[in-house]
Amino acid sequence: MPENPRERKAADEIFCWSCGNLIKKHAEICPECGARQRHSQPLKNPGIAAVASFFVVGLGQIYNGQFFKGFMLMIAGLISALLIMALIGFILYPVIWIYAIYDAYKTAEKINAHLIT
């Protein structure tokens, strides 16, 4: 019975996370399916992401590389802080603030687990 080619992995080879084909360990893009390999993405510290969003709403998302989401949270935080004068901000701002902290932490964990790029 012929040997499965996937079982003959050399020391300098890995499996593509997308298609499962053998590729060189340091390849950034799979030559078979064209998927960017996730091993080249730096790990994120969930604690730093959460603390950054604790001090500035949206900063943790920017740390995680989600620039648009971070800036949108900053704008939403600013608007809700201004709405404190209309009293709705007392409810809205803490909700946005806690969401930003939680999301930054969970997103950093997902990045490290290679669940998102």
PDB file of N, CA and C in Angstrom:
ATOM      1  N   MET A   1       0.843  -1.174   0.000  1.00  0.00           N
ATOM      2  CA  MET A   1       0.000   0.000   0.000  1.00  0.00           C
ATOM      3  C   MET A   1       0.890   1.240   0.000  1.00  0.00           C
ATOM      4  N   PRO A   2       0.670   2.197  -0.911  1.00  0.00           N
ATOM      5  CA  PRO A   2       1.530   3.370  -0.971  1.00  0.00           C
ATOM      6  C   PRO A   2       1.358   4.250   0.267  1.00  0.00           C
ATOM      7  N   GLU A   3       2.470   4.860   0.635  1.00  0.00           N
ATOM      8  CA  GLU A   3       2.478   5.728   1.811  1.00  0.00           C
ATOM      9  C   GLU A   3       1.789   7.059   1.492  1.00  0.00           C
ATOM     10  N   ASN A   4       1.038   7.574   2.431  1.00  0.00           N
ATOM     11  CA  ASN A   4       0.357   8.858   2.281  1.00  0.00           C
ATOM     12  C   ASN A   4       1.411   9.968   2.256  1.00  0.00           C
ATOM     13  N   PRO A   5       1.431  10.847   1.229  1.00  0.00           N
ATOM     14  CA  PRO A   5       2.445  11.889   1.152  1.00  0.00           C
ATOM     15  C   PRO A   5       2.367  12.864   2.323  1.00  0.00           C
ATOM     16  N   ARG A   6       1.202  12.996   2.942  1.00  0.00           N
ATOM     17  CA  ARG A   6       1.081  13.907   4.084  1.00  0.00           C
ATOM     18  C   ARG A   6       1.838  13.389   5.303  1.00  0.00           C
ATOM     19  N   GLU A   7       2.126  12.099   5.343  1.00  0.00           N
ATOM     20  CA  GLU A   7       2.829  11.529   6.477  1.00  0.00           C
ATOM     21  C   GLU A   7       4.337  11.699   6.363  1.00  0.00           C
ATOM     22  N   ARG A   8       4.841  12.173   5.242  1.00  0.00           N
ATOM     23  CA  ARG A   8       6.278  12.336   5.037  1.00  0.00           C
ATOM     24  C   ARG A   8       6.670  13.804   5.177  1.00  0.00           C
ATOM     25  N   LYS A   9       6.403  14.379   6.322  1.00  0.00           N
ATOM     26  CA  LYS A   9       6.712  15.787   6.567  1.00  0.00           C
ATOM     27  C   LYS A   9       8.166  15.907   7.010  1.00  0.00           C
ATOM     28  N   ALA A  10       8.913  16.772   6.323  1.00  0.00           N
ATOM     29  CA  ALA A  10      10.303  17.032   6.693  1.00  0.00           C
ATOM     30  C   ALA A  10      10.347  18.036   7.841  1.00  0.00           C
ATOM     31  N   ALA A  11      11.514  18.197   8.421  1.00  0.00           N
ATOM     32  CA  ALA A  11      11.673  19.107   9.565  1.00  0.00           C
ATOM     33  C   ALA A  11      11.416  20.561   9.185  1.00  0.00           C
ATOM     34  N   ASP A  12      11.641  20.914   7.914  1.00  0.00           N
ATOM     35  CA  ASP A  12      11.452  22.301   7.496  1.00  0.00           C
ATOM     36  C   ASP A  12      10.103  22.517   6.814  1.00  0.00           C
ATOM     37  N   GLU A  13       9.130  21.625   7.070  1.00  0.00           N
ATOM     38  CA  GLU A  13       7.817  21.733   6.454  1.00  0.00           C
ATOM     39  C   GLU A  13       6.721  21.777   7.520  1.00  0.00           C
ATOM     40  N   ILE A  14       5.620  22.415   7.159  1.00  0.00           N
ATOM     41  CA  ILE A  14       4.421  22.457   7.994  1.00  0.00           C
ATOM     42  C   ILE A  14       3.218  22.238   7.090  1.00  0.00           C
ATOM     43  N   PHE A  15       2.057  22.053   7.704  1.00  0.00           N
ATOM     44  CA  PHE A  15       0.834  21.936   6.942  1.00  0.00           C
ATOM     45  C   PHE A  15       0.189  23.313   6.839  1.00  0.00           C
ATOM     46  N   CYS A  16      -0.316  23.644   5.662  1.00  0.00           N
ATOM     47  CA  CYS A  16      -1.034  24.902   5.468  1.00  0.00           C
ATOM     48  C   CYS A  16      -2.271  24.874   6.349  1.00  0.00           C
ATOM     49  N   TRP A  17      -2.529  25.963   7.067  1.00  0.00           N
ATOM     50  CA  TRP A  17      -3.696  26.018   7.952  1.00  0.00           C
ATOM     51  C   TRP A  17      -4.998  26.012   7.158  1.00  0.00           C
ATOM     52  N   SER A  18      -4.953  26.402   5.891  1.00  0.00           N
ATOM     53  CA  SER A  18      -6.170  26.522   5.095  1.00  0.00           C
ATOM     54  C   SER A  18      -6.492  25.242   4.323  1.00  0.00           C
ATOM     55  N   CYS A  19      -5.531  24.749   3.553  1.00  0.00           N
ATOM     56  CA  CYS A  19      -5.808  23.600   2.686  1.00  0.00           C
ATOM     57  C   CYS A  19      -5.188  22.296   3.173  1.00  0.00           C
ATOM     58  N   GLY A  20      -4.223  22.375   4.103  1.00  0.00           N
ATOM     59  CA  GLY A  20      -3.619  21.175   4.659  1.00  0.00           C
ATOM     60  C   GLY A  20      -2.456  20.613   3.868  1.00  0.00           C
ATOM     61  N   ASN A  21      -2.067  21.245   2.759  1.00  0.00           N
ATOM     62  CA  ASN A  21      -0.929  20.758   1.985  1.00  0.00           C
ATOM     63  C   ASN A  21       0.388  21.079   2.677  1.00  0.00           C
ATOM     64  N   LEU A  22       1.392  20.276   2.392  1.00  0.00           N
ATOM     65  CA  LEU A  22       2.721  20.522   2.948  1.00  0.00           C
ATOM     66  C   LEU A  22       3.350  21.730   2.270  1.00  0.00           C
ATOM     67  N   ILE A  23       3.882  22.625   3.088  1.00  0.00           N
ATOM     68  CA  ILE A  23       4.593  23.801   2.574  1.00  0.00           C
ATOM     69  C   ILE A  23       5.837  24.000   3.413  1.00  0.00           C
ATOM     70  N   LYS A  24       6.735  24.842   2.952  1.00  0.00           N
ATOM     71  CA  LYS A  24       7.930  25.161   3.713  1.00  0.00           C
ATOM     72  C   LYS A  24       7.545  25.915   4.983  1.00  0.00           C
ATOM     73  N   LYS A  25       8.257  25.665   6.066  1.00  0.00           N
ATOM     74  CA  LYS A  25       7.926  26.228   7.366  1.00  0.00           C
ATOM     75  C   LYS A  25       7.886  27.755   7.361  1.00  0.00           C
ATOM     76  N   HIS A  26       8.757  28.386   6.612  1.00  0.00           N
ATOM     77  CA  HIS A  26       8.846  29.842   6.622  1.00  0.00           C
ATOM     78  C   HIS A  26       8.101  30.503   5.460  1.00  0.00           C
ATOM     79  N   ALA A  27       7.283  29.735   4.750  1.00  0.00           N
ATOM     80  CA  ALA A  27       6.499  30.303   3.648  1.00  0.00           C
ATOM     81  C   ALA A  27       5.416  31.212   4.222  1.00  0.00           C
ATOM     82  N   GLU A  28       5.274  32.381   3.635  1.00  0.00           N
ATOM     83  CA  GLU A  28       4.234  33.300   4.101  1.00  0.00           C
ATOM     84  C   GLU A  28       2.912  33.043   3.399  1.00  0.00           C
ATOM     85  N   ILE A  29       2.968  32.507   2.180  1.00  0.00           N
ATOM     86  CA  ILE A  29       1.764  32.225   1.400  1.00  0.00           C
ATOM     87  C   ILE A  29       1.850  30.798   0.884  1.00  0.00           C
ATOM     88  N   CYS A  30       0.749  30.068   1.011  1.00  0.00           N
ATOM     89  CA  CYS A  30       0.702  28.695   0.507  1.00  0.00           C
ATOM     90  C   CYS A  30       0.700  28.725  -1.020  1.00  0.00           C
ATOM     91  N   PRO A  31       1.637  28.025  -1.680  1.00  0.00           N
ATOM     92  CA  PRO A  31       1.651  28.033  -3.150  1.00  0.00           C
ATOM     93  C   PRO A  31       0.461  27.284  -3.753  1.00  0.00           C
ATOM     94  N   GLU A  32      -0.183  26.432  -2.972  1.00  0.00           N
ATOM     95  CA  GLU A  32      -1.307  25.660  -3.485  1.00  0.00           C
ATOM     96  C   GLU A  32      -2.619  26.452  -3.461  1.00  0.00           C
ATOM     97  N   CYS A  33      -2.947  27.053  -2.294  1.00  0.00           N
ATOM     98  CA  CYS A  33      -4.247  27.729  -2.179  1.00  0.00           C
ATOM     99  C   CYS A  33      -4.122  29.251  -2.074  1.00  0.00           C
ATOM    100  N   GLY A  34      -2.919  29.759  -1.862  1.00  0.00           N
ATOM    101  CA  GLY A  34      -2.709  31.206  -1.794  1.00  0.00           C
ATOM    102  C   GLY A  34      -3.029  31.832  -0.450  1.00  0.00           C
ATOM    103  N   ALA A  35      -3.291  31.030   0.571  1.00  0.00           N
ATOM    104  CA  ALA A  35      -3.642  31.568   1.899  1.00  0.00           C
ATOM    105  C   ALA A  35      -2.387  32.053   2.617  1.00  0.00           C
ATOM    106  N   ARG A  36      -2.487  33.229   3.215  1.00  0.00           N
ATOM    107  CA  ARG A  36      -1.385  33.753   4.026  1.00  0.00           C
ATOM    108  C   ARG A  36      -1.292  32.916   5.286  1.00  0.00           C
ATOM    109  N   GLN A  37      -0.098  32.495   5.612  1.00  0.00           N
ATOM    110  CA  GLN A  37       0.092  31.634   6.765  1.00  0.00           C
ATOM    111  C   GLN A  37       0.101  32.439   8.053  1.00  0.00           C
ATOM    112  N   ARG A  38      -0.498  31.899   9.069  1.00  0.00           N
ATOM    113  CA  ARG A  38      -0.707  32.618  10.312  1.00  0.00           C
ATOM    114  C   ARG A  38       0.505  32.621  11.232  1.00  0.00           C
ATOM    115  N   HIS A  39       1.467  31.770  10.992  1.00  0.00           N
ATOM    116  CA  HIS A  39       2.619  31.715  11.888  1.00  0.00           C
ATOM    117  C   HIS A  39       3.462  32.973  11.811  1.00  0.00           C
ATOM    118  N   SER A  40       3.272  33.769  10.779  1.00  0.00           N
ATOM    119  CA  SER A  40       4.060  34.983  10.636  1.00  0.00           C
ATOM    120  C   SER A  40       3.458  36.154  11.409  1.00  0.00           C
ATOM    121  N   GLN A  41       2.260  35.962  11.989  1.00  0.00           N
ATOM    122  CA  GLN A  41       1.606  37.035  12.732  1.00  0.00           C
ATOM    123  C   GLN A  41       2.119  37.033  14.169  1.00  0.00           C
ATOM    124  N   PRO A  42       2.539  38.203  14.671  1.00  0.00           N
ATOM    125  CA  PRO A  42       3.041  38.245  16.046  1.00  0.00           C
ATOM    126  C   PRO A  42       1.913  38.004  17.052  1.00  0.00           C
ATOM    127  N   LEU A  43       2.272  37.408  18.192  1.00  0.00           N
ATOM    128  CA  LEU A  43       1.286  37.152  19.239  1.00  0.00           C
ATOM    129  C   LEU A  43       0.923  38.443  19.949  1.00  0.00           C
ATOM    130  N   LYS A  44      -0.274  38.510  20.435  1.00  0.00           N
ATOM    131  CA  LYS A  44      -0.764  39.683  21.171  1.00  0.00           C
ATOM    132  C   LYS A  44      -0.968  39.293  22.628  1.00  0.00           C
ATOM    133  N   ASN A  45      -0.670  40.209  23.533  1.00  0.00           N
ATOM    134  CA  ASN A  45      -0.866  39.980  24.952  1.00  0.00           C
ATOM    135  C   ASN A  45      -2.281  40.442  25.321  1.00  0.00           C
ATOM    136  N   PRO A  46      -3.166  39.509  25.721  1.00  0.00           N
ATOM    137  CA  PRO A  46      -4.534  39.903  26.050  1.00  0.00           C
ATOM    138  C   PRO A  46      -4.599  40.912  27.197  1.00  0.00           C
ATOM    139  N   GLY A  47      -3.694  40.797  28.160  1.00  0.00           N
ATOM    140  CA  GLY A  47      -3.670  41.737  29.280  1.00  0.00           C
ATOM    141  C   GLY A  47      -3.363  43.153  28.835  1.00  0.00           C
ATOM    142  N   ILE A  48      -2.385  43.297  27.953  1.00  0.00           N
ATOM    143  CA  ILE A  48      -2.044  44.631  27.441  1.00  0.00           C
ATOM    144  C   ILE A  48      -3.215  45.204  26.652  1.00  0.00           C
ATOM    145  N   ALA A  49      -3.862  44.353  25.847  1.00  0.00           N
ATOM    146  CA  ALA A  49      -5.008  44.825  25.059  1.00  0.00           C
ATOM    147  C   ALA A  49      -6.133  45.311  25.970  1.00  0.00           C
ATOM    148  N   ALA A  50      -6.418  44.557  27.027  1.00  0.00           N
ATOM    149  CA  ALA A  50      -7.495  44.943  27.943  1.00  0.00           C
ATOM    150  C   ALA A  50      -7.148  46.220  28.704  1.00  0.00           C
ATOM    151  N   VAL A  51      -5.903  46.319  29.189  1.00  0.00           N
ATOM    152  CA  VAL A  51      -5.496  47.509  29.942  1.00  0.00           C
ATOM    153  C   VAL A  51      -5.485  48.742  29.036  1.00  0.00           C
ATOM    154  N   ALA A  52      -5.072  48.571  27.789  1.00  0.00           N
ATOM    155  CA  ALA A  52      -5.077  49.700  26.852  1.00  0.00           C
ATOM    156  C   ALA A  52      -6.504  50.220  26.653  1.00  0.00           C
ATOM    157  N   SER A  53      -7.467  49.300  26.512  1.00  0.00           N
ATOM    158  CA  SER A  53      -8.858  49.736  26.366  1.00  0.00           C
ATOM    159  C   SER A  53      -9.438  50.243  27.679  1.00  0.00           C
ATOM    160  N   PHE A  54      -8.869  49.829  28.795  1.00  0.00           N
ATOM    161  CA  PHE A  54      -9.311  50.357  30.087  1.00  0.00           C
ATOM    162  C   PHE A  54      -8.999  51.846  30.187  1.00  0.00           C
ATOM    163  N   PHE A  55      -7.802  52.218  29.737  1.00  0.00           N
ATOM    164  CA  PHE A  55      -7.382  53.618  29.837  1.00  0.00           C
ATOM    165  C   PHE A  55      -7.947  54.496  28.722  1.00  0.00           C
ATOM    166  N   VAL A  56      -8.007  53.955  27.491  1.00  0.00           N
ATOM    167  CA  VAL A  56      -8.562  54.701  26.360  1.00  0.00           C
ATOM    168  C   VAL A  56      -9.458  53.745  25.584  1.00  0.00           C
ATOM    169  N   VAL A  57     -10.728  54.041  25.535  1.00  0.00           N
ATOM    170  CA  VAL A  57     -11.686  53.177  24.822  1.00  0.00           C
ATOM    171  C   VAL A  57     -11.230  53.014  23.372  1.00  0.00           C
ATOM    172  N   GLY A  58     -11.062  51.759  22.938  1.00  0.00           N
ATOM    173  CA  GLY A  58     -10.675  51.473  21.560  1.00  0.00           C
ATOM    174  C   GLY A  58      -9.190  51.266  21.354  1.00  0.00           C
ATOM    175  N   LEU A  59      -8.363  51.635  22.326  1.00  0.00           N
ATOM    176  CA  LEU A  59      -6.913  51.495  22.153  1.00  0.00           C
ATOM    177  C   LEU A  59      -6.489  50.026  22.101  1.00  0.00           C
ATOM    178  N   GLY A  60      -7.183  49.168  22.822  1.00  0.00           N
ATOM    179  CA  GLY A  60      -6.883  47.734  22.776  1.00  0.00           C
ATOM    180  C   GLY A  60      -7.157  47.138  21.410  1.00  0.00           C
ATOM    181  N   GLN A  61      -8.197  47.620  20.757  1.00  0.00           N
ATOM    182  CA  GLN A  61      -8.500  47.146  19.408  1.00  0.00           C
ATOM    183  C   GLN A  61      -7.411  47.607  18.434  1.00  0.00           C
ATOM    184  N   ILE A  62      -6.937  48.815  18.604  1.00  0.00           N
ATOM    185  CA  ILE A  62      -5.843  49.304  17.752  1.00  0.00           C
ATOM    186  C   ILE A  62      -4.590  48.479  17.990  1.00  0.00           C
ATOM    187  N   TYR A  63      -4.302  48.147  19.247  1.00  0.00           N
ATOM    188  CA  TYR A  63      -3.163  47.278  19.583  1.00  0.00           C
ATOM    189  C   TYR A  63      -3.290  45.928  18.878  1.00  0.00           C
ATOM    190  N   ASN A  64      -4.519  45.420  18.787  1.00  0.00           N
ATOM    191  CA  ASN A  64      -4.755  44.126  18.135  1.00  0.00           C
ATOM    192  C   ASN A  64      -4.744  44.213  16.610  1.00  0.00           C
ATOM    193  N   GLY A  65      -4.635  45.415  16.066  1.00  0.00           N
ATOM    194  CA  GLY A  65      -4.601  45.576  14.616  1.00  0.00           C
ATOM    195  C   GLY A  65      -5.955  45.853  14.005  1.00  0.00           C
ATOM    196  N   GLN A  66      -6.968  46.058  14.818  1.00  0.00           N
ATOM    197  CA  GLN A  66      -8.309  46.361  14.319  1.00  0.00           C
ATOM    198  C   GLN A  66      -8.509  47.880  14.383  1.00  0.00           C
ATOM    199  N   PHE A  67      -7.866  48.570  13.465  1.00  0.00           N
ATOM    200  CA  PHE A  67      -7.828  50.029  13.500  1.00  0.00           C
ATOM    201  C   PHE A  67      -9.214  50.659  13.345  1.00  0.00           C
ATOM    202  N   PHE A  68      -9.991  50.196  12.391  1.00  0.00           N
ATOM    203  CA  PHE A  68     -11.316  50.782  12.162  1.00  0.00           C
ATOM    204  C   PHE A  68     -12.206  50.604  13.393  1.00  0.00           C
ATOM    205  N   LYS A  69     -12.233  49.386  13.933  1.00  0.00           N
ATOM    206  CA  LYS A  69     -13.048  49.129  15.119  1.00  0.00           C
ATOM    207  C   LYS A  69     -12.579  49.990  16.290  1.00  0.00           C
ATOM    208  N   GLY A  70     -11.264  50.137  16.453  1.00  0.00           N
ATOM    209  CA  GLY A  70     -10.726  50.957  17.532  1.00  0.00           C
ATOM    210  C   GLY A  70     -11.130  52.409  17.413  1.00  0.00           C
ATOM    211  N   PHE A  71     -11.019  52.964  16.213  1.00  0.00           N
ATOM    212  CA  PHE A  71     -11.395  54.368  16.019  1.00  0.00           C
ATOM    213  C   PHE A  71     -12.903  54.574  16.170  1.00  0.00           C
ATOM    214  N   MET A  72     -13.688  53.602  15.724  1.00  0.00           N
ATOM    215  CA  MET A  72     -15.137  53.710  15.896  1.00  0.00           C
ATOM    216  C   MET A  72     -15.523  53.661  17.376  1.00  0.00           C
ATOM    217  N   LEU A  73     -14.847  52.811  18.145  1.00  0.00           N
ATOM    218  CA  LEU A  73     -15.114  52.764  19.587  1.00  0.00           C
ATOM    219  C   LEU A  73     -14.680  54.061  20.266  1.00  0.00           C
ATOM    220  N   MET A  74     -13.576  54.644  19.788  1.00  0.00           N
ATOM    221  CA  MET A  74     -13.139  55.934  20.349  1.00  0.00           C
ATOM    222  C   MET A  74     -14.195  57.015  20.089  1.00  0.00           C
ATOM    223  N   ILE A  75     -14.707  57.040  18.878  1.00  0.00           N
ATOM    224  CA  ILE A  75     -15.736  58.031  18.535  1.00  0.00           C
ATOM    225  C   ILE A  75     -17.005  57.775  19.346  1.00  0.00           C
ATOM    226  N   ALA A  76     -17.417  56.508  19.468  1.00  0.00           N
ATOM    227  CA  ALA A  76     -18.612  56.180  20.258  1.00  0.00           C
ATOM    228  C   ALA A  76     -18.404  56.543  21.723  1.00  0.00           C
ATOM    229  N   GLY A  77     -17.201  56.307  22.244  1.00  0.00           N
ATOM    230  CA  GLY A  77     -16.903  56.683  23.624  1.00  0.00           C
ATOM    231  C   GLY A  77     -16.944  58.183  23.823  1.00  0.00           C
ATOM    232  N   LEU A  78     -16.425  58.926  22.866  1.00  0.00           N
ATOM    233  CA  LEU A  78     -16.436  60.387  22.954  1.00  0.00           C
ATOM    234  C   LEU A  78     -17.872  60.926  22.914  1.00  0.00           C
ATOM    235  N   ILE A  79     -18.654  60.394  22.001  1.00  0.00           N
ATOM    236  CA  ILE A  79     -20.055  60.834  21.897  1.00  0.00           C
ATOM    237  C   ILE A  79     -20.819  60.499  23.176  1.00  0.00           C
ATOM    238  N   SER A  80     -20.624  59.285  23.683  1.00  0.00           N
ATOM    239  CA  SER A  80     -21.344  58.912  24.903  1.00  0.00           C
ATOM    240  C   SER A  80     -20.846  59.706  26.109  1.00  0.00           C
ATOM    241  N   ALA A  81     -19.563  60.090  26.129  1.00  0.00           N
ATOM    242  CA  ALA A  81     -19.057  60.938  27.212  1.00  0.00           C
ATOM    243  C   ALA A  81     -19.714  62.318  27.143  1.00  0.00           C
ATOM    244  N   LEU A  82     -19.921  62.832  25.951  1.00  0.00           N
ATOM    245  CA  LEU A  82     -20.606  64.119  25.797  1.00  0.00           C
ATOM    246  C   LEU A  82     -22.079  64.013  26.188  1.00  0.00           C
ATOM    247  N   LEU A  83     -22.654  62.828  26.006  1.00  0.00           N
ATOM    248  CA  LEU A  83     -24.062  62.626  26.351  1.00  0.00           C
ATOM    249  C   LEU A  83     -24.292  62.505  27.859  1.00  0.00           C
ATOM    250  N   ILE A  84     -23.220  62.523  28.635  1.00  0.00           N
ATOM    251  CA  ILE A  84     -23.377  62.502  30.091  1.00  0.00           C
ATOM    252  C   ILE A  84     -24.174  63.726  30.540  1.00  0.00           C
ATOM    253  N   MET A  85     -24.012  64.814  29.818  1.00  0.00           N
ATOM    254  CA  MET A  85     -24.784  66.016  30.149  1.00  0.00           C
ATOM    255  C   MET A  85     -26.284  65.786  29.964  1.00  0.00           C
ATOM    256  N   ALA A  86     -26.652  64.867  29.072  1.00  0.00           N
ATOM    257  CA  ALA A  86     -28.060  64.548  28.851  1.00  0.00           C
ATOM    258  C   ALA A  86     -28.474  63.306  29.647  1.00  0.00           C
ATOM    259  N   LEU A  87     -27.622  62.862  30.547  1.00  0.00           N
ATOM    260  CA  LEU A  87     -27.828  61.732  31.455  1.00  0.00           C
ATOM    261  C   LEU A  87     -27.785  60.357  30.787  1.00  0.00           C
ATOM    262  N   ILE A  88     -28.065  60.224  29.517  1.00  0.00           N
ATOM    263  CA  ILE A  88     -28.001  58.916  28.850  1.00  0.00           C
ATOM    264  C   ILE A  88     -26.568  58.402  28.811  1.00  0.00           C
ATOM    265  N   GLY A  89     -25.605  59.304  28.834  1.00  0.00           N
ATOM    266  CA  GLY A  89     -24.197  58.923  28.816  1.00  0.00           C
ATOM    267  C   GLY A  89     -23.766  58.148  30.040  1.00  0.00           C
ATOM    268  N   PHE A  90     -24.466  58.333  31.173  1.00  0.00           N
ATOM    269  CA  PHE A  90     -24.138  57.587  32.382  1.00  0.00           C
ATOM    270  C   PHE A  90     -24.385  56.089  32.209  1.00  0.00           C
ATOM    271  N   ILE A  91     -25.277  55.746  31.321  1.00  0.00           N
ATOM    272  CA  ILE A  91     -25.547  54.341  31.025  1.00  0.00           C
ATOM    273  C   ILE A  91     -24.728  53.891  29.813  1.00  0.00           C
ATOM    274  N   LEU A  92     -24.700  54.719  28.785  1.00  0.00           N
ATOM    275  CA  LEU A  92     -24.073  54.353  27.517  1.00  0.00           C
ATOM    276  C   LEU A  92     -22.549  54.230  27.613  1.00  0.00           C
ATOM    277  N   TYR A  93     -21.892  55.179  28.280  1.00  0.00           N
ATOM    278  CA  TYR A  93     -20.427  55.159  28.325  1.00  0.00           C
ATOM    279  C   TYR A  93     -19.881  53.913  29.017  1.00  0.00           C
ATOM    280  N   PRO A  94     -20.384  53.515  30.197  1.00  0.00           N
ATOM    281  CA  PRO A  94     -19.854  52.293  30.812  1.00  0.00           C
ATOM    282  C   PRO A  94     -20.077  51.045  29.969  1.00  0.00           C
ATOM    283  N   VAL A  95     -21.188  50.995  29.247  1.00  0.00           N
ATOM    284  CA  VAL A  95     -21.447  49.833  28.383  1.00  0.00           C
ATOM    285  C   VAL A  95     -20.400  49.761  27.274  1.00  0.00           C
ATOM    286  N   ILE A  96     -20.133  50.881  26.630  1.00  0.00           N
ATOM    287  CA  ILE A  96     -19.125  50.920  25.557  1.00  0.00           C
ATOM    288  C   ILE A  96     -17.743  50.615  26.126  1.00  0.00           C
ATOM    289  N   TRP A  97     -17.428  51.167  27.271  1.00  0.00           N
ATOM    290  CA  TRP A  97     -16.118  50.993  27.913  1.00  0.00           C
ATOM    291  C   TRP A  97     -15.879  49.528  28.270  1.00  0.00           C
ATOM    292  N   ILE A  98     -16.869  48.884  28.907  1.00  0.00           N
ATOM    293  CA  ILE A  98     -16.720  47.477  29.298  1.00  0.00           C
ATOM    294  C   ILE A  98     -16.652  46.587  28.061  1.00  0.00           C
ATOM    295  N   TYR A  99     -17.465  46.894  27.052  1.00  0.00           N
ATOM    296  CA  TYR A  99     -17.405  46.117  25.810  1.00  0.00           C
ATOM    297  C   TYR A  99     -16.009  46.210  25.178  1.00  0.00           C
ATOM    298  N   ALA A 100     -15.439  47.409  25.148  1.00  0.00           N
ATOM    299  CA  ALA A 100     -14.117  47.602  24.532  1.00  0.00           C
ATOM    300  C   ALA A 100     -13.056  46.786  25.263  1.00  0.00           C
ATOM    301  N   ILE A 101     -13.112  46.759  26.585  1.00  0.00           N
ATOM    302  CA  ILE A 101     -12.137  45.989  27.370  1.00  0.00           C
ATOM    303  C   ILE A 101     -12.299  44.492  27.084  1.00  0.00           C
ATOM    304  N   TYR A 102     -13.531  44.004  27.169  1.00  0.00           N
ATOM    305  CA  TYR A 102     -13.808  42.588  26.936  1.00  0.00           C
ATOM    306  C   TYR A 102     -13.420  42.164  25.518  1.00  0.00           C
ATOM    307  N   ASP A 103     -13.819  42.962  24.530  1.00  0.00           N
ATOM    308  CA  ASP A 103     -13.538  42.634  23.134  1.00  0.00           C
ATOM    309  C   ASP A 103     -12.039  42.631  22.853  1.00  0.00           C
ATOM    310  N   ALA A 104     -11.305  43.588  23.405  1.00  0.00           N
ATOM    311  CA  ALA A 104      -9.852  43.639  23.184  1.00  0.00           C
ATOM    312  C   ALA A 104      -9.195  42.381  23.739  1.00  0.00           C
ATOM    313  N   TYR A 105      -9.603  41.971  24.935  1.00  0.00           N
ATOM    314  CA  TYR A 105      -9.029  40.779  25.562  1.00  0.00           C
ATOM    315  C   TYR A 105      -9.336  39.524  24.748  1.00  0.00           C
ATOM    316  N   LYS A 106     -10.605  39.325  24.405  1.00  0.00           N
ATOM    317  CA  LYS A 106     -11.012  38.129  23.668  1.00  0.00           C
ATOM    318  C   LYS A 106     -10.417  38.089  22.256  1.00  0.00           C
ATOM    319  N   THR A 107     -10.318  39.243  21.610  1.00  0.00           N
ATOM    320  CA  THR A 107      -9.739  39.286  20.264  1.00  0.00           C
ATOM    321  C   THR A 107      -8.261  38.911  20.309  1.00  0.00           C
ATOM    322  N   ALA A 108      -7.528  39.398  21.305  1.00  0.00           N
ATOM    323  CA  ALA A 108      -6.108  39.029  21.441  1.00  0.00           C
ATOM    324  C   ALA A 108      -5.967  37.523  21.645  1.00  0.00           C
ATOM    325  N   GLU A 109      -6.847  36.921  22.440  1.00  0.00           N
ATOM    326  CA  GLU A 109      -6.805  35.471  22.626  1.00  0.00           C
ATOM    327  C   GLU A 109      -7.066  34.740  21.311  1.00  0.00           C
ATOM    328  N   LYS A 110      -8.036  35.230  20.528  1.00  0.00           N
ATOM    329  CA  LYS A 110      -8.340  34.599  19.244  1.00  0.00           C
ATOM    330  C   LYS A 110      -7.184  34.743  18.259  1.00  0.00           C
ATOM    331  N   ILE A 111      -6.517  35.884  18.272  1.00  0.00           N
ATOM    332  CA  ILE A 111      -5.354  36.083  17.407  1.00  0.00           C
ATOM    333  C   ILE A 111      -4.273  35.076  17.773  1.00  0.00           C
ATOM    334  N   ASN A 112      -4.025  34.899  19.058  1.00  0.00           N
ATOM    335  CA  ASN A 112      -2.993  33.966  19.508  1.00  0.00           C
ATOM    336  C   ASN A 112      -3.350  32.514  19.200  1.00  0.00           C
ATOM    337  N   ALA A 113      -4.633  32.196  19.193  1.00  0.00           N
ATOM    338  CA  ALA A 113      -5.077  30.838  18.863  1.00  0.00           C
ATOM    339  C   ALA A 113      -5.223  30.644  17.352  1.00  0.00           C
ATOM    340  N   HIS A 114      -4.877  31.681  16.587  1.00  0.00           N
ATOM    341  CA  HIS A 114      -4.953  31.647  15.116  1.00  0.00           C
ATOM    342  C   HIS A 114      -6.377  31.416  14.630  1.00  0.00           C
ATOM    343  N   LEU A 115      -7.364  31.896  15.385  1.00  0.00           N
ATOM    344  CA  LEU A 115      -8.758  31.781  14.945  1.00  0.00           C
ATOM    345  C   LEU A 115      -9.148  32.919  14.045  1.00  0.00           C
ATOM    346  N   ILE A 116      -8.455  34.068  14.183  1.00  0.00           N
ATOM    347  CA  ILE A 116      -8.671  35.210  13.293  1.00  0.00           C
ATOM    348  C   ILE A 116      -7.331  35.757  12.889  1.00  0.00           C
ATOM    349  N   THR A 117      -7.302  36.461  11.774  1.00  0.00           N
ATOM    350  CA  THR A 117      -6.039  37.041  11.300  1.00  0.00           C
ATOM    351  C   THR A 117      -6.027  38.526  11.495  1.00  0.00           C
TER     352      THR A 117
END
